[in-house]
Protein backbone atom coordinates (compact mmCIF):
# COMPACT_ATOMS: atom_id res chain seq x y z
CA UNK A 1 0.00 0.00 0.00
CA UNK A 2 1.11 3.55 -0.70
CA UNK A 3 1.69 6.13 2.00
CA UNK A 4 -1.20 8.57 2.27
CA UNK A 5 -2.45 11.35 4.54
CA UNK A 6 -5.09 10.30 7.07
CA UNK A 7 -8.37 12.23 7.15
CA UNK A 8 -8.58 14.98 9.76
CA UNK A 9 -11.46 13.24 11.55
CA UNK A 10 -9.45 10.03 11.94
CA UNK A 11 -6.42 12.00 13.14
CA UNK A 12 -8.56 13.59 15.85
CA UNK A 13 -9.96 10.21 16.89
CA UNK A 14 -6.46 8.79 17.20
CA UNK A 15 -5.47 11.78 19.36
CA UNK A 16 -8.63 11.33 21.41
CA UNK A 17 -7.58 7.78 22.21
CA UNK A 18 -4.58 9.20 24.07
CA UNK A 19 -6.26 12.20 25.71
CA UNK A 20 -9.77 10.89 26.40
CA UNK A 21 -9.58 7.49 28.07
CA UNK A 22 -12.89 7.64 29.96
CA UNK A 23 -15.51 10.21 31.08
CA UNK A 24 -13.26 11.27 33.97
CA UNK A 25 -10.65 12.37 31.39
CA UNK A 26 -13.23 14.70 29.82
CA UNK A 27 -14.08 16.21 33.19
CA UNK A 28 -10.39 16.71 33.99
CA UNK A 29 -9.67 18.52 30.72
CA UNK A 30 -12.75 20.75 30.90
CA UNK A 31 -12.33 21.72 34.56
CA UNK A 32 -8.63 22.49 33.99
CA UNK A 33 -9.61 24.72 31.04
CA UNK A 34 -12.07 26.53 33.30
CA UNK A 35 -9.44 27.13 35.98
CA UNK A 36 -6.93 28.34 33.38
CA UNK A 37 -9.63 30.81 32.27
CA UNK A 38 -9.73 32.34 35.76
CA UNK A 39 -12.94 30.71 36.99
CA UNK A 40 -13.81 30.98 40.69
CA UNK A 41 -16.88 28.72 40.44
CA UNK A 42 -17.14 25.54 38.38
CA UNK A 43 -20.22 23.34 38.20
CA UNK A 44 -20.08 19.81 36.80
CA UNK A 45 -23.26 17.90 35.93
CA UNK A 46 -23.19 14.28 34.75
CA UNK A 47 -25.59 11.54 33.73
CA UNK A 48 -25.02 7.87 33.02
CA UNK A 49 -21.57 7.95 34.60
CA UNK A 50 -20.58 10.69 32.15
CA UNK A 51 -21.33 8.57 29.11
CA UNK A 52 -24.71 10.22 28.46
CA UNK A 53 -23.91 13.75 29.62
CA UNK A 54 -21.10 15.89 30.98
CA UNK A 55 -21.78 19.60 31.42
CA UNK A 56 -19.15 21.97 32.84
CA UNK A 57 -20.17 25.55 33.59
CA UNK A 58 -17.68 28.21 34.73
CA UNK A 59 -17.56 31.95 35.39
CA UNK A 60 -14.17 32.50 33.76
CA UNK A 61 -13.08 35.04 31.15
CA UNK A 62 -15.05 33.40 28.35
CA UNK A 63 -14.21 33.39 24.63
CA UNK A 64 -15.10 35.71 21.77
CA UNK A 65 -16.19 34.46 18.33
CA UNK A 66 -12.65 34.25 16.91
CA UNK A 67 -11.38 32.28 19.90
CA UNK A 68 -14.29 29.86 19.67
CA UNK A 69 -13.62 29.16 15.99
CA UNK A 70 -10.01 28.26 16.82
CA UNK A 71 -10.73 26.43 20.09
CA UNK A 72 -12.17 23.41 18.26
CA UNK A 73 -9.15 23.14 15.96
CA UNK A 74 -6.20 20.95 16.89
CA UNK A 75 -3.15 22.54 18.50
CA UNK A 76 -4.79 25.93 18.96
CA UNK A 77 -4.25 27.34 22.44
CA UNK A 78 -3.86 30.65 24.27
CA UNK A 79 -1.69 29.18 27.03
CA UNK A 80 1.83 28.93 25.64
CA UNK A 81 3.82 30.92 23.14
CA UNK A 82 7.39 30.71 24.49
CA UNK A 83 8.04 26.97 24.36
CA UNK A 84 7.60 23.91 26.58
CA UNK A 85 10.20 24.89 29.19
CA UNK A 86 8.01 27.54 30.84
CA UNK A 87 4.54 25.99 31.21
CA UNK A 88 2.56 27.70 33.96
CA UNK A 89 -0.97 26.54 33.06
CA UNK A 90 -2.74 23.22 33.43
CA UNK A 91 -3.48 22.85 29.73
CA UNK A 92 -1.12 23.72 26.89
CA UNK A 93 -1.39 21.14 24.10
CA UNK A 94 -4.54 22.47 22.40
CA UNK A 95 -5.93 18.95 21.91
CA UNK A 96 -8.70 18.58 24.50
CA UNK A 97 -11.71 20.18 22.77
CA UNK A 98 -11.09 18.80 19.24
CA UNK A 99 -10.37 15.34 20.72
CA UNK A 100 -13.60 15.40 22.72
CA UNK A 101 -15.55 16.65 19.71
CA UNK A 102 -14.23 13.86 17.51
CA UNK A 103 -15.78 11.12 19.71
CA UNK A 104 -18.94 12.80 21.05
CA UNK A 105 -21.58 15.46 20.43
CA UNK A 106 -19.95 18.62 21.77
CA UNK A 107 -21.43 22.07 22.18
CA UNK A 108 -19.68 25.17 23.54
CA UNK A 109 -21.43 28.37 24.58
CA UNK A 110 -19.36 31.30 25.83
CA UNK A 111 -19.38 35.06 26.39
CA UNK A 112 -16.75 37.53 27.50
CA UNK A 113 -17.47 40.25 30.07
CA UNK A 114 -17.49 43.11 27.53
CA UNK A 115 -19.53 41.33 24.82
CA UNK A 116 -23.20 42.11 24.21
CA UNK A 117 -24.03 38.47 23.53
CA UNK A 118 -22.39 35.09 23.51
CA UNK A 119 -21.77 32.53 20.77
CA UNK A 120 -22.28 28.81 20.41
CA UNK A 121 -20.55 26.19 18.29
CA UNK A 122 -21.16 22.45 17.97
CA UNK A 123 -18.96 19.53 16.98
CA UNK A 124 -20.43 16.09 16.27
CA UNK A 125 -18.15 13.15 15.54
CA UNK A 126 -15.37 15.51 14.43
CA UNK A 127 -17.58 17.60 12.13
CA UNK A 128 -17.73 21.28 13.11
CA UNK A 129 -21.04 23.09 12.97
CA UNK A 130 -21.54 26.82 12.26
CA UNK A 131 -20.87 29.48 14.86
CA UNK A 132 -24.14 31.06 16.04
CA UNK A 133 -25.08 33.90 18.41
CA UNK A 134 -26.50 32.69 21.71
CA UNK A 135 -27.66 34.07 25.04
CA UNK A 136 -25.09 33.38 27.74
CA UNK A 137 -23.71 34.68 31.02
CA UNK A 138 -20.07 35.59 31.30
CA UNK A 139 -18.02 32.42 31.18
CA UNK A 140 -18.30 29.17 29.30
CA UNK A 141 -20.63 26.18 29.22
CA UNK A 142 -19.27 23.01 27.61
CA UNK A 143 -21.71 20.15 27.09
CA UNK A 144 -20.63 16.67 26.03
CA UNK A 145 -23.30 14.11 25.08
CA UNK A 146 -23.10 10.53 23.87
CA UNK A 147 -19.42 10.10 24.63
CA UNK A 148 -17.65 7.63 22.30
CA UNK A 149 -20.68 7.26 20.03
CA UNK A 150 -18.28 7.75 17.11
CA UNK A 151 -15.87 5.08 18.42
CA UNK A 152 -18.07 2.19 19.67
CA UNK A 153 -15.03 -0.01 20.36
CA UNK A 154 -13.86 2.36 23.11
CA UNK A 155 -17.37 2.49 24.56
CA UNK A 156 -17.33 -1.27 25.13
CA UNK A 157 -14.29 -1.00 27.39
CA UNK A 158 -15.81 1.50 29.82
CA UNK A 159 -16.78 0.26 33.27
CA UNK A 160 -20.20 0.44 34.86
CA UNK A 161 -22.01 3.65 35.63
CA UNK A 162 -21.11 3.61 39.31
CA UNK A 163 -17.39 3.03 38.61
CA UNK A 164 -17.24 5.85 36.04
CA UNK A 165 -19.08 8.18 38.42
CA UNK A 166 -16.56 7.34 41.13
CA UNK A 167 -13.66 8.09 38.77
CA UNK A 168 -15.15 11.51 37.98
CA UNK A 169 -15.51 12.24 41.68
CA UNK A 170 -11.87 11.33 42.30
CA UNK A 171 -10.71 13.70 39.53
CA UNK A 172 -12.73 16.55 41.03
CA UNK A 173 -11.38 15.78 44.52
CA UNK A 174 -7.80 16.11 43.31
CA UNK A 175 -8.52 19.38 41.53
CA UNK A 176 -10.37 20.65 44.60
CA UNK A 177 -7.30 20.12 46.80
CA UNK A 178 -5.03 21.84 44.28
CA UNK A 179 -7.23 24.95 44.00
CA UNK A 180 -8.87 25.80 47.35
CA UNK A 181 -9.96 29.24 46.09
CA UNK A 182 -12.26 27.69 43.46
CA UNK A 183 -15.77 26.53 44.39
CA UNK A 184 -16.59 23.18 42.80
CA UNK A 185 -20.03 21.59 42.60
CA UNK A 186 -20.69 18.13 41.14
CA UNK A 187 -24.32 17.09 40.54
CA UNK A 188 -26.45 15.01 38.21
CA UNK A 189 -29.06 12.31 37.95
CA UNK A 190 -26.48 9.61 38.70
CA UNK A 191 -25.17 11.09 41.94
CA UNK A 192 -25.95 13.11 45.01
CA UNK A 193 -24.70 16.69 44.86
CA UNK A 194 -21.11 17.09 46.01
CA UNK A 195 -19.94 20.59 46.84
CA UNK A 196 -16.53 21.98 47.81
CA UNK A 197 -16.95 25.59 48.97
CA UNK A 198 -14.01 27.90 48.33
CA UNK A 199 -11.65 28.29 51.30
CA UNK A 200 -9.32 30.97 49.89
CA UNK A 201 -5.76 30.45 51.05
CA UNK A 202 -6.74 27.97 53.78
CA UNK A 203 -5.56 24.80 52.09
CA UNK A 204 -6.06 22.59 55.16
CA UNK A 205 -9.78 23.40 55.31
CA UNK A 206 -10.14 22.36 51.66
CA UNK A 207 -8.17 19.18 52.31
CA UNK A 208 -10.49 18.35 55.20
CA UNK A 209 -13.49 18.88 52.89
CA UNK A 210 -12.05 16.19 50.65
CA UNK A 211 -10.44 13.76 53.11
CA UNK A 212 -12.72 14.35 56.11
CA UNK A 213 -12.51 16.21 59.39
CA UNK A 214 -10.47 13.41 61.00
CA UNK A 215 -7.53 14.16 58.73
CA UNK A 216 -7.26 17.67 60.16
CA UNK A 217 -7.07 16.21 63.67
CA UNK A 218 -4.34 13.73 62.70
CA UNK A 219 -2.12 15.76 60.40
CA UNK A 220 1.33 17.29 60.55
CA UNK A 221 2.14 20.37 58.41
CA UNK A 222 5.03 20.11 55.99
CA UNK A 223 7.23 22.98 54.80
CA UNK A 224 10.71 22.26 53.50
CA UNK A 225 13.05 23.55 50.84
CA UNK A 226 16.11 22.15 49.11
CA UNK A 227 17.93 24.19 46.49
CA UNK A 228 15.19 25.63 44.23
CA UNK A 229 12.43 23.17 45.17
CA UNK A 230 9.75 24.02 47.76
CA UNK A 231 7.74 21.23 49.41
CA UNK A 232 4.58 22.03 51.36
CA UNK A 233 1.52 20.07 52.40
CA UNK A 234 0.13 17.93 55.20
CA UNK A 235 0.91 14.35 56.16
CA UNK A 236 -1.08 12.01 58.38
CA UNK A 237 0.16 10.44 61.58
CA UNK A 238 1.55 6.94 61.04
CA UNK A 239 -1.28 5.47 63.11
CA UNK A 240 -3.81 7.26 60.87
CA UNK A 241 -3.52 5.07 57.79
CA UNK A 242 -5.70 3.57 55.05
CA UNK A 243 -6.18 0.23 53.33
CA UNK A 244 -5.19 1.67 49.92
CA UNK A 245 -3.13 4.50 48.44
CA UNK A 246 -6.12 6.64 47.41
CA UNK A 247 -5.36 8.96 50.34
CA UNK A 248 -2.07 10.09 48.74
CA UNK A 249 -2.20 13.25 46.64
CA UNK A 250 0.72 14.88 44.85
CA UNK A 251 0.84 18.21 43.02
CA UNK A 252 3.60 19.78 40.97
CA UNK A 253 3.25 23.53 40.42
CA UNK A 254 -0.46 23.15 41.17
CA UNK A 255 -0.93 20.30 38.71
CA UNK A 256 -2.40 17.04 40.12
CA UNK A 257 0.00 14.24 39.17
CA UNK A 258 0.33 10.53 39.84
CA UNK A 259 4.09 10.21 39.69
CA UNK A 260 5.53 6.86 40.80
CA UNK A 261 8.70 8.46 42.16
CA UNK A 262 6.74 10.74 44.49
CA UNK A 263 4.57 7.84 45.69
CA UNK A 264 7.68 5.69 46.19
CA UNK A 265 9.28 8.43 48.29
CA UNK A 266 6.17 8.66 50.49
CA UNK A 267 6.25 4.90 51.03
CA UNK A 268 9.96 4.98 51.90
CA UNK A 269 9.51 7.84 54.37
CA UNK A 270 6.90 5.84 56.31
CA UNK A 271 8.67 2.50 55.79
CA UNK A 272 9.16 1.56 59.45
CA UNK A 273 6.05 3.19 60.87
CA UNK A 274 3.17 1.75 58.79
CA UNK A 275 1.93 -1.87 58.99
CA UNK A 276 2.39 -4.02 55.91
CA UNK A 277 -0.64 -3.67 53.67
CA UNK A 278 -1.56 -0.23 55.03
CA UNK A 279 -0.88 3.13 53.38
CA UNK A 280 -0.19 6.60 54.80
CA UNK A 281 -2.35 9.62 54.04
CA UNK A 282 -0.43 12.56 52.57
CA UNK A 283 -1.01 15.68 50.51
CA UNK A 284 2.23 17.01 49.00
CA UNK A 285 2.74 20.06 46.82
CA UNK A 286 6.03 20.67 44.99
CA UNK A 287 6.83 24.12 43.64
CA UNK A 288 9.83 24.53 41.34
CA UNK A 289 10.99 26.25 38.20
CA UNK A 290 8.95 24.89 35.25
CA UNK A 291 12.21 24.35 33.40
CA UNK A 292 13.18 21.71 35.99
CA UNK A 293 10.18 19.46 35.30
CA UNK A 294 8.80 18.05 32.07
CA UNK A 295 4.99 17.86 32.06
CA UNK A 296 4.83 16.99 28.35
CA UNK A 297 5.43 13.28 28.96
CA UNK A 298 1.95 12.06 28.05
CA UNK A 299 -1.11 13.78 26.54
CA UNK A 300 -3.08 13.12 29.74
CA UNK A 301 -0.42 15.14 31.66
CA UNK A 302 -0.70 12.91 34.75
CA UNK A 303 2.97 11.86 34.56
CA UNK A 304 5.92 14.21 34.94
CA UNK A 305 9.70 13.86 34.71
CA UNK A 306 12.02 15.75 37.03
CA UNK A 307 15.42 16.91 35.86
CA UNK A 308 16.90 15.80 39.23
CA UNK A 309 14.72 12.95 40.57
CA UNK A 310 17.23 12.19 43.34
CA UNK A 311 16.81 15.70 44.74
CA UNK A 312 13.02 15.37 44.76
CA UNK A 313 13.12 11.96 46.42
CA UNK A 314 15.59 13.08 49.06
CA UNK A 315 13.57 16.21 49.82
CA UNK A 316 10.31 14.28 50.28
CA UNK A 317 11.80 11.51 52.44
CA UNK A 318 13.84 13.91 54.57
CA UNK A 319 10.99 16.37 55.10
CA UNK A 320 8.45 13.69 56.03
CA UNK A 321 10.80 11.94 58.44
CA UNK A 322 11.75 15.21 60.09
CA UNK A 323 8.07 16.14 60.45
CA UNK A 324 7.28 12.74 61.95
CA UNK A 325 10.18 13.11 64.36
CA UNK A 326 9.05 16.56 65.50
CA UNK A 327 5.29 16.05 65.60
CA UNK A 328 4.39 12.45 64.86
CA UNK A 329 4.57 10.94 68.34
CA UNK A 330 1.06 11.80 69.44
CA UNK A 331 -1.71 9.24 69.27
CA UNK A 332 -4.25 9.54 66.49
CA UNK A 333 -7.72 10.66 67.48
CA UNK A 334 -9.19 7.57 65.85
CA UNK A 335 -7.73 5.43 68.65
CA UNK A 336 -9.86 7.11 71.30
CA UNK A 337 -12.90 6.80 69.05
CA UNK A 338 -12.26 3.08 68.59
CA UNK A 339 -12.05 2.73 72.36
CA UNK A 340 -15.37 4.47 72.91
CA UNK A 341 -17.03 2.35 70.23
CA UNK A 342 -15.61 -0.77 71.90
CA UNK A 343 -17.20 0.21 75.20
CA UNK A 344 -20.55 0.74 73.51
CA UNK A 345 -20.33 -2.37 71.31
CA UNK A 346 -21.91 -5.78 71.82
CA UNK A 347 -25.47 -7.12 71.96
CA UNK A 348 -28.17 -4.84 73.24
CA UNK A 349 -30.55 -7.53 74.54
CA UNK A 350 -30.38 -9.62 77.70
CA UNK A 351 -28.31 -8.93 80.77
CA UNK A 352 -25.78 -6.15 80.11
CA UNK A 353 -22.90 -8.29 81.34
CA UNK A 354 -24.00 -11.65 79.92
CA UNK A 355 -22.42 -11.34 76.50
CA UNK A 356 -18.84 -12.06 75.57
CA UNK A 357 -16.69 -8.97 76.04
CA UNK A 358 -15.85 -7.10 72.88
CA UNK A 359 -12.13 -7.16 72.12
CA UNK A 360 -10.98 -3.72 70.92
CA UNK A 361 -8.89 -3.54 67.77
CA UNK A 362 -6.11 -1.84 69.70
CA UNK A 363 -5.74 -4.70 72.22
CA UNK A 364 -2.43 -6.44 71.51
CA UNK A 365 -2.10 -10.18 71.91
CA UNK A 366 0.75 -11.61 73.93
CA UNK A 367 3.92 -11.89 71.91
CA UNK A 368 4.66 -15.38 70.52
CA UNK A 369 8.42 -14.86 70.82
CA UNK A 370 10.43 -16.60 73.54
CA UNK A 371 12.46 -14.36 75.91
CA UNK A 372 15.55 -12.84 74.42
CA UNK A 373 18.11 -10.55 76.03
CA UNK A 374 17.67 -6.86 75.36
CA UNK A 375 20.47 -5.33 73.30
CA UNK A 376 22.54 -2.60 74.85
CA UNK A 377 21.90 1.03 73.98
CA UNK A 378 23.59 2.53 70.97
CA UNK A 379 26.38 5.08 71.51
CA UNK A 380 24.87 8.38 72.52
CA UNK A 381 21.42 6.89 73.09
CA UNK A 382 19.55 7.76 76.32
CA UNK A 383 20.13 5.38 79.16
CA UNK A 384 17.56 2.72 79.92
CA UNK A 385 15.08 3.35 82.71
CA UNK A 386 15.81 2.45 86.34
CA UNK A 387 15.92 -1.27 86.89
CA UNK A 388 15.96 -2.00 83.14
CA UNK A 389 13.40 -3.89 81.08
CA UNK A 390 15.39 -6.97 80.09
CA UNK A 391 14.09 -10.42 80.94
CA UNK A 392 16.87 -11.17 83.42
CA UNK A 393 16.23 -8.04 85.45
CA UNK A 394 12.51 -8.67 85.59
CA UNK A 395 12.90 -12.25 86.79
CA UNK A 396 13.41 -11.09 90.37
CA UNK A 397 9.98 -9.59 90.73
CA UNK A 398 7.97 -11.75 88.29
CA UNK A 399 5.59 -13.98 90.19
CA UNK A 400 5.35 -17.70 89.50
CA UNK A 401 1.60 -17.59 89.00
CA UNK A 402 0.14 -14.31 87.78
CA UNK A 403 -3.54 -13.55 88.19
CA UNK A 404 -5.52 -13.08 85.01
CA UNK A 405 -6.14 -9.45 85.81
CA UNK A 406 -4.56 -7.20 88.42
CA UNK A 407 -3.61 -3.59 88.92
CA UNK A 408 -0.15 -2.79 90.27
CA UNK A 409 -0.63 0.70 91.62
CA UNK A 410 2.15 3.26 91.37
CA UNK A 411 2.89 6.07 93.77
CA UNK A 412 0.67 9.12 94.04
CA UNK A 413 2.91 11.44 92.02
CA UNK A 414 0.83 13.98 90.14
CA UNK A 415 1.23 14.20 86.35
CA UNK A 416 3.57 17.04 85.42
CA UNK A 417 2.71 19.52 82.63
CA UNK A 418 5.96 18.70 80.82
CA UNK A 419 5.08 14.98 80.72
CA UNK A 420 2.49 14.50 77.95
CA UNK A 421 2.15 10.80 78.77
CA UNK A 422 1.44 11.57 82.43
CA UNK A 423 2.25 9.52 85.53
CA UNK A 424 1.83 5.74 85.69
CA UNK A 425 -1.03 4.65 87.93
CA UNK A 426 -1.43 0.93 87.26
CA UNK A 427 -0.46 -2.06 85.16
CA UNK A 428 -3.27 -4.38 84.09
CA UNK A 429 -3.10 -7.82 82.51
CA UNK A 430 0.69 -7.57 82.83
CA UNK A 431 0.85 -5.70 79.54
CA UNK A 432 -0.99 -2.38 79.67
CA UNK A 433 0.17 0.63 81.65
CA UNK A 434 -2.54 3.04 82.78
CA UNK A 435 -1.21 6.58 83.02
CA UNK A 436 -2.99 9.68 84.29
CA UNK A 437 -2.49 12.92 82.38
CA UNK A 438 -3.66 16.41 83.24
CA UNK A 439 -6.81 16.08 81.13
CA UNK A 440 -7.44 12.35 80.79
CA UNK A 441 -5.67 9.01 80.74
CA UNK A 442 -3.32 7.06 78.49
CA UNK A 443 -3.15 3.29 77.99
CA UNK A 444 0.29 2.09 76.88
CA UNK A 445 1.16 -1.29 75.38
CA UNK A 446 4.42 -1.93 77.24
CA UNK A 447 5.82 -4.45 74.74
CA UNK A 448 5.03 -2.37 71.66
CA UNK A 449 6.36 0.81 73.27
CA UNK A 450 9.65 -0.70 74.43
CA UNK A 451 10.06 -2.50 71.11
CA UNK A 452 10.04 0.90 69.40
CA UNK A 453 12.57 2.36 71.83
CA UNK A 454 15.00 -0.51 71.26
CA UNK A 455 14.52 -0.26 67.48
CA UNK A 456 15.33 3.46 67.50
CA UNK A 457 18.58 2.76 69.36
CA UNK A 458 19.52 0.12 66.80
CA UNK A 459 18.71 2.47 63.91
CA UNK A 460 20.97 5.07 65.49
CA UNK A 461 23.73 2.47 65.60
CA UNK A 462 23.18 1.68 61.91
CA UNK A 463 23.58 5.34 61.02
CA UNK A 464 26.56 6.01 63.29
CA UNK A 465 29.06 4.40 60.94
CA UNK A 466 29.71 1.66 58.37
CA UNK A 467 27.78 -1.56 58.94
CA UNK A 468 29.84 -4.52 60.10
CA UNK A 469 30.38 -7.03 57.32
CA UNK A 470 31.40 -10.67 57.13
CA UNK A 471 33.89 -11.80 54.50
CA UNK A 472 32.91 -14.72 52.30
CA UNK A 473 35.37 -17.62 52.23
CA UNK A 474 35.00 -17.68 48.44
CA UNK A 475 33.66 -14.65 46.55
CA UNK A 476 30.20 -15.19 45.10
CA UNK A 477 30.38 -14.59 41.32
CA UNK A 478 27.05 -13.43 39.89
CA UNK A 479 26.36 -13.18 36.16
CA UNK A 480 24.36 -10.06 35.24
CA UNK A 481 23.67 -7.99 32.15
CA UNK A 482 26.41 -5.45 31.48
CA UNK A 483 24.21 -2.46 32.22
CA UNK A 484 23.23 -3.92 35.64
CA UNK A 485 26.92 -4.45 36.40
CA UNK A 486 27.60 -0.81 35.56
CA UNK A 487 24.79 0.37 37.82
CA UNK A 488 26.00 -1.73 40.76
CA UNK A 489 29.60 -0.63 40.27
CA UNK A 490 28.44 2.99 40.36
CA UNK A 491 26.76 2.37 43.73
CA UNK A 492 29.61 0.25 45.15
CA UNK A 493 30.79 2.89 47.62
CA UNK A 494 27.30 3.43 49.06
CA UNK A 495 26.73 -0.32 49.28
CA UNK A 496 30.04 -0.79 51.11
CA UNK A 497 28.80 1.55 53.83
CA UNK A 498 25.93 -0.90 54.31
CA UNK A 499 28.25 -3.89 54.59
CA UNK A 500 27.94 -5.19 51.02
CA UNK A 501 31.33 -5.18 49.29
CA UNK A 502 31.28 -6.01 45.60
CA UNK A 503 33.35 -5.28 42.50
CA UNK A 504 33.38 -5.91 38.77
CA UNK A 505 34.56 -9.39 37.76
CA UNK A 506 35.17 -9.17 34.08
CA UNK A 507 32.43 -8.51 31.53
CA UNK A 508 28.91 -9.34 32.65
CA UNK A 509 29.75 -10.43 36.20
CA UNK A 510 29.90 -9.07 39.75
CA UNK A 511 31.99 -10.53 42.60
CA UNK A 512 30.47 -10.26 46.09
CA UNK A 513 33.24 -10.39 48.71
CA UNK A 514 31.48 -9.31 51.90
CA UNK A 515 27.86 -9.24 53.08
CA UNK A 516 26.24 -7.41 56.03
CA UNK A 517 26.83 -9.32 59.25
CA UNK A 518 23.34 -8.46 60.52
CA UNK A 519 21.74 -10.45 57.71
CA UNK A 520 23.56 -13.63 58.68
CA UNK A 521 23.48 -16.27 55.95
CA UNK A 522 22.15 -14.45 52.92
CA UNK A 523 21.32 -15.27 49.31
CA UNK A 524 23.89 -12.92 47.82
CA UNK A 525 22.82 -13.54 44.23
CA UNK A 526 19.16 -12.76 44.97
CA UNK A 527 20.10 -9.69 46.99
CA UNK A 528 22.35 -8.29 44.26
CA UNK A 529 19.82 -8.92 41.50
CA UNK A 530 17.10 -7.18 43.52
CA UNK A 531 19.41 -4.21 44.09
CA UNK A 532 20.24 -4.04 40.39
CA UNK A 533 16.55 -3.94 39.50
CA UNK A 534 15.91 -1.28 42.12
CA UNK A 535 18.77 0.92 40.93
CA UNK A 536 17.54 0.59 37.35
CA UNK A 537 14.06 1.75 38.34
CA UNK A 538 14.74 4.31 41.06
CA UNK A 539 18.43 5.18 40.62
CA UNK A 540 19.17 4.27 44.24
CA UNK A 541 19.68 1.14 46.35
CA UNK A 542 17.43 1.63 49.35
CA UNK A 543 16.40 -2.02 49.48
CA UNK A 544 19.50 -3.11 51.40
CA UNK A 545 18.96 -0.41 54.01
CA UNK A 546 15.36 -1.56 54.34
CA UNK A 547 16.47 -5.18 54.83
CA UNK A 548 18.91 -4.15 57.54
CA UNK A 549 16.22 -2.13 59.29
CA UNK A 550 13.85 -5.10 59.02
CA UNK A 551 16.44 -7.27 60.78
CA UNK A 552 16.88 -4.58 63.43
CA UNK A 553 13.11 -4.49 63.88
CA UNK A 554 12.97 -8.24 64.48
CA UNK A 555 15.86 -8.09 66.92
CA UNK A 556 14.17 -5.23 68.75
CA UNK A 557 10.98 -7.27 69.02
CA UNK A 558 12.89 -10.17 70.58
CA UNK A 559 14.85 -7.87 72.88
CA UNK A 560 11.93 -5.89 74.28
CA UNK A 561 10.08 -6.23 77.55
CA UNK A 562 7.61 -9.07 77.13
CA UNK A 563 3.88 -9.00 77.46
CA UNK A 564 2.92 -10.68 80.73
CA UNK A 565 5.79 -9.20 82.75
CA UNK A 566 5.07 -7.06 85.78
CA UNK A 567 6.76 -3.70 85.97
CA UNK A 568 7.58 -1.68 89.04
CA UNK A 569 6.10 1.84 89.25
CA UNK A 570 9.50 3.44 88.62
CA UNK A 571 10.00 1.23 85.56
CA UNK A 572 6.62 2.19 84.14
CA UNK A 573 7.39 5.90 84.59
CA UNK A 574 10.86 5.44 83.11
CA UNK A 575 9.27 3.86 80.03
CA UNK A 576 6.86 6.79 79.69
CA UNK A 577 9.67 9.36 80.00
CA UNK A 578 11.80 7.62 77.38
CA UNK A 579 8.81 7.42 75.03
CA UNK A 580 8.40 11.19 75.32
CA UNK A 581 12.03 11.69 74.27
CA UNK A 582 12.15 9.15 71.43
CA UNK A 583 11.04 10.06 67.90
CA UNK A 584 8.46 7.73 66.42
CA UNK A 585 7.43 6.24 69.77
CA UNK A 586 3.73 6.63 68.92
CA UNK A 587 3.76 3.37 66.97
CA UNK A 588 5.70 0.12 67.15
CA UNK A 589 7.95 -1.30 64.42
CA UNK A 590 4.92 -2.98 62.82
CA UNK A 591 2.95 0.28 62.62
CA UNK A 592 0.52 -0.46 65.45
CA UNK A 593 -0.13 2.29 68.00
CA UNK A 594 1.87 2.03 71.22
CA UNK A 595 -0.62 4.02 73.27
CA UNK A 596 -4.21 5.24 73.22
CA UNK A 597 -5.22 8.61 74.66
CA UNK A 598 -8.66 9.18 76.15
CA UNK A 599 -9.73 12.64 77.28
CA UNK A 600 -11.57 13.21 80.54
CA UNK A 601 -14.52 14.60 78.59
CA UNK A 602 -14.78 11.30 76.70
CA UNK A 603 -14.78 9.34 79.96
CA UNK A 604 -17.50 11.58 81.37
CA UNK A 605 -19.61 10.97 78.27
CA UNK A 606 -19.36 7.24 78.88
CA UNK A 607 -21.08 7.78 82.22
CA UNK A 608 -23.58 10.34 80.81
CA UNK A 609 -22.02 13.12 82.86
CA UNK A 610 -21.94 15.30 79.75
């Protein structure tokens, strides 16, 4: 066959396949156009999950007749004229409206502030209709009907109405967080009305509109800068986590993005504070020179490429960890709520004490590990509490037969204002410390709390110098592709600091001479291959550090005060004081909370005193 020029309609449909993946893509493009036009109020109406109808109304600058004629032509835009290295708007490609018009029945009605009347133009299946005068308020109304009627194959791959409606809602939620000064309203026959009132410069109030009031009660503000990159936002406490990653939002120069490097950095920053299978909640906003980020990676503009990805990753991880260290040790408010619900739970018929007690989610089971000596403190780490918590030191006052429930009362010392965790009052079930604070009480899981303290000491030891390594009797020769060998050789110095000594061994091979002593007997070939894959994807080798910290976590669990051991009053108070001084003590190494806080007002409500 001979080479020939494709028809304009087919060209637009091919472009639409990249830009318009589903109804949510249409909503994203139209709402971004409205915001670029200076709109302060945007209304979105949908029907049939967006397949039957999408209508976006804004109060922006509007378009005159000449602009409207060009707006439905490909690659016509008012947003850039100096090149792709200085993009300061959400849209810039000039493809959205012609792409939408090529696969649907599109109508646009718009009027500028100084015009006597508006104009309307229609596009159906890529065929432009005439421009006509029309009555209109200032701004623009874009109506999309029968989406993908011109490309039935794409229509077959759409999900159900409820799923498409949910995808539209998620797009609007992300845009709402990015632009708190814009009022957004989503309505239609297929949904209840969802409204995000404008909050001006108060970004946290808008975030709470989207993520819920609880996020505001369990958040830590973020404000950091490295070189020419500014990072702001809010991150959730480690104990305030979700079952999926939908609570993670990232923005680059105000643009909602779903960049895998940003999400990976968030995961790494919370690596030793979140349980496996749970995800932190975070809203991050990066501000940098547009020349340092490429947003023209994909027509959907959801992916970006940073000129210095290592800088961005380091900034995110460092800022989040510093914020968690400074303000992440308090208990999440959801813990107290779970406790109250546990008290009120259970059957409502019969004798009030006849049913089986409800076991709260925060109640920790006794540890399955056998006793193990507690490791000594790292250099420079705070000394252990009076009497110590190791198994050998507790043996002197551990009773042979412990009652199933008892309260070992402490002295009558009043809680001091500078002790947020208060003064220990009792130990119950040989595992939970009851502490009185100035305005309530705290319940501490002694094993989980001490496990975290020991782990922090071991992490400090890991960072204090090179990791001890063990030399292999015979070097382990591993065959790898040449490019993987080059990547590993480039990271050899960093890996040596972690106890893994390797070097090139001819073409296509790596010789491993030493491995980290903490890992014991290790599959060197598997470890090196995993590191090579990680360096290829992320340009760093954090996996080895994570493995070492995982070993330290296990050792800390074995070396911590056991559940079922009685503590003296001075030991309980020493544990509380060290928790107050240790970063990250609000959750154990597995991400579970180490203590629950209950305010006096909550206790009074339990007894109907409020």
